[in-house]
């Protein structure tokens, strides 16, 4: 049986590889207001009942767990925001992402 690659599975695998428990990781992840993430919210993320909706939280997972940011953005179904990208370049990024998705779907067929 093939396991699905999800935001939660990446976070869980990275946490386990770091030998940290959920409470420890939650204390290290800071929300936008500077407060730590709650352990129940982290549990929901790891079980794919929730996915962070902000770039800030995704970047916090990258910082704390040393995971690949592109994989987290991809599995969160988000495109990272880069303030330096102009409108035309953003359209190219979106087109490239959609082409990549088509390739992945073709590989699953």
Protein backbone atom coordinates (compact mmCIF):
# COMPACT_ATOMS: atom_id res chain seq x y z
CA UNK A 1 0.00 0.00 0.00
CA UNK A 2 1.35 3.39 -1.03
CA UNK A 3 1.09 6.13 1.61
CA UNK A 4 -0.07 9.53 0.45
CA UNK A 5 2.33 12.43 0.80
CA UNK A 6 0.52 15.13 2.76
CA UNK A 7 1.47 18.22 4.74
CA UNK A 8 0.67 16.35 7.93
CA UNK A 9 2.72 13.28 7.01
CA UNK A 10 5.76 15.43 6.19
CA UNK A 11 5.46 17.29 9.50
CA UNK A 12 4.99 14.06 11.46
CA UNK A 13 7.95 12.32 9.79
CA UNK A 14 10.20 15.34 10.37
CA UNK A 15 9.09 15.63 13.99
CA UNK A 16 9.79 11.94 14.64
CA UNK A 17 13.17 12.21 12.90
CA UNK A 18 13.99 15.11 15.23
CA UNK A 19 13.04 12.96 18.26
CA UNK A 20 10.58 15.61 19.43
CA UNK A 21 7.08 15.06 20.72
CA UNK A 22 4.10 17.11 19.59
CA UNK A 23 4.13 19.28 22.69
CA UNK A 24 7.80 20.19 22.15
CA UNK A 25 7.29 21.08 18.47
CA UNK A 26 4.13 23.06 19.22
CA UNK A 27 6.06 25.13 21.78
CA UNK A 28 8.69 25.97 19.14
CA UNK A 29 6.23 26.99 16.41
CA UNK A 30 5.22 30.64 16.81
CA UNK A 31 1.99 32.02 15.41
CA UNK A 32 1.83 35.47 13.85
CA UNK A 33 1.09 36.99 17.28
CA UNK A 34 4.22 35.40 18.78
CA UNK A 35 2.31 32.86 20.85
CA UNK A 36 3.20 29.18 20.55
CA UNK A 37 1.01 26.83 18.55
CA UNK A 38 -1.19 24.53 20.60
CA UNK A 39 -0.36 20.82 20.72
CA UNK A 40 -3.97 19.87 19.75
CA UNK A 41 -3.67 22.03 16.60
CA UNK A 42 -0.38 20.33 15.72
CA UNK A 43 -2.09 16.96 16.24
CA UNK A 44 -4.84 18.04 13.82
CA UNK A 45 -2.20 19.05 11.27
CA UNK A 46 -0.34 15.75 11.58
CA UNK A 47 -3.59 13.82 11.09
CA UNK A 48 -4.56 15.99 8.08
CA UNK A 49 -7.61 17.42 9.79
CA UNK A 50 -6.13 20.90 9.35
CA UNK A 51 -3.50 22.62 7.20
CA UNK A 52 -1.84 25.95 8.01
CA UNK A 53 -3.38 28.74 6.00
CA UNK A 54 -0.58 31.28 6.32
CA UNK A 55 2.89 31.54 4.84
CA UNK A 56 4.09 32.45 8.33
CA UNK A 57 3.14 29.08 9.83
CA UNK A 58 4.57 27.16 6.88
CA UNK A 59 7.84 29.05 7.32
CA UNK A 60 7.79 28.22 11.03
CA UNK A 61 7.53 24.50 10.25
CA UNK A 62 10.45 24.88 7.83
CA UNK A 63 12.51 26.68 10.49
CA UNK A 64 11.77 24.28 13.35
CA UNK A 65 11.72 20.95 11.52
CA UNK A 66 14.28 21.74 8.79
CA UNK A 67 11.98 20.48 6.03
CA UNK A 68 11.89 21.40 2.37
CA UNK A 69 9.74 24.53 1.97
CA UNK A 70 8.65 23.63 -1.57
CA UNK A 71 7.21 20.31 -0.39
CA UNK A 72 5.28 22.01 2.40
CA UNK A 73 3.89 24.65 0.08
CA UNK A 74 3.00 22.01 -2.49
CA UNK A 75 1.22 19.75 0.00
CA UNK A 76 -0.54 22.76 1.55
CA UNK A 77 -1.71 23.60 -1.99
CA UNK A 78 -0.22 27.06 -1.74
CA UNK A 79 2.19 29.07 -3.81
CA UNK A 80 4.74 30.94 -1.72
CA UNK A 81 4.42 34.69 -1.83
CA UNK A 82 7.44 36.60 -2.98
CA UNK A 83 7.11 40.35 -2.80
CA UNK A 84 9.72 40.81 -5.52
CA UNK A 85 7.75 38.91 -8.20
CA UNK A 86 5.98 41.17 -10.67
CA UNK A 87 2.47 40.40 -11.97
CA UNK A 88 3.72 38.86 -15.23
CA UNK A 89 6.11 36.61 -13.34
CA UNK A 90 3.35 35.54 -10.93
CA UNK A 91 1.28 34.38 -13.89
CA UNK A 92 4.23 32.31 -15.11
CA UNK A 93 4.62 30.74 -11.66
CA UNK A 94 0.93 29.80 -11.60
CA UNK A 95 1.12 28.35 -15.12
CA UNK A 96 4.20 26.32 -14.18
CA UNK A 97 2.50 25.02 -11.05
CA UNK A 98 -0.57 23.95 -13.03
CA UNK A 99 1.64 22.20 -15.61
CA UNK A 100 3.45 20.42 -12.79
CA UNK A 101 0.11 19.29 -11.35
CA UNK A 102 -0.92 17.89 -14.75
CA UNK A 103 2.33 15.92 -14.94
CA UNK A 104 1.72 14.49 -11.45
CA UNK A 105 -1.84 13.49 -12.33
CA UNK A 106 -0.58 11.81 -15.49
CA UNK A 107 1.93 9.82 -13.44
CA UNK A 108 -0.90 8.57 -11.21
CA UNK A 109 -2.99 7.32 -14.11
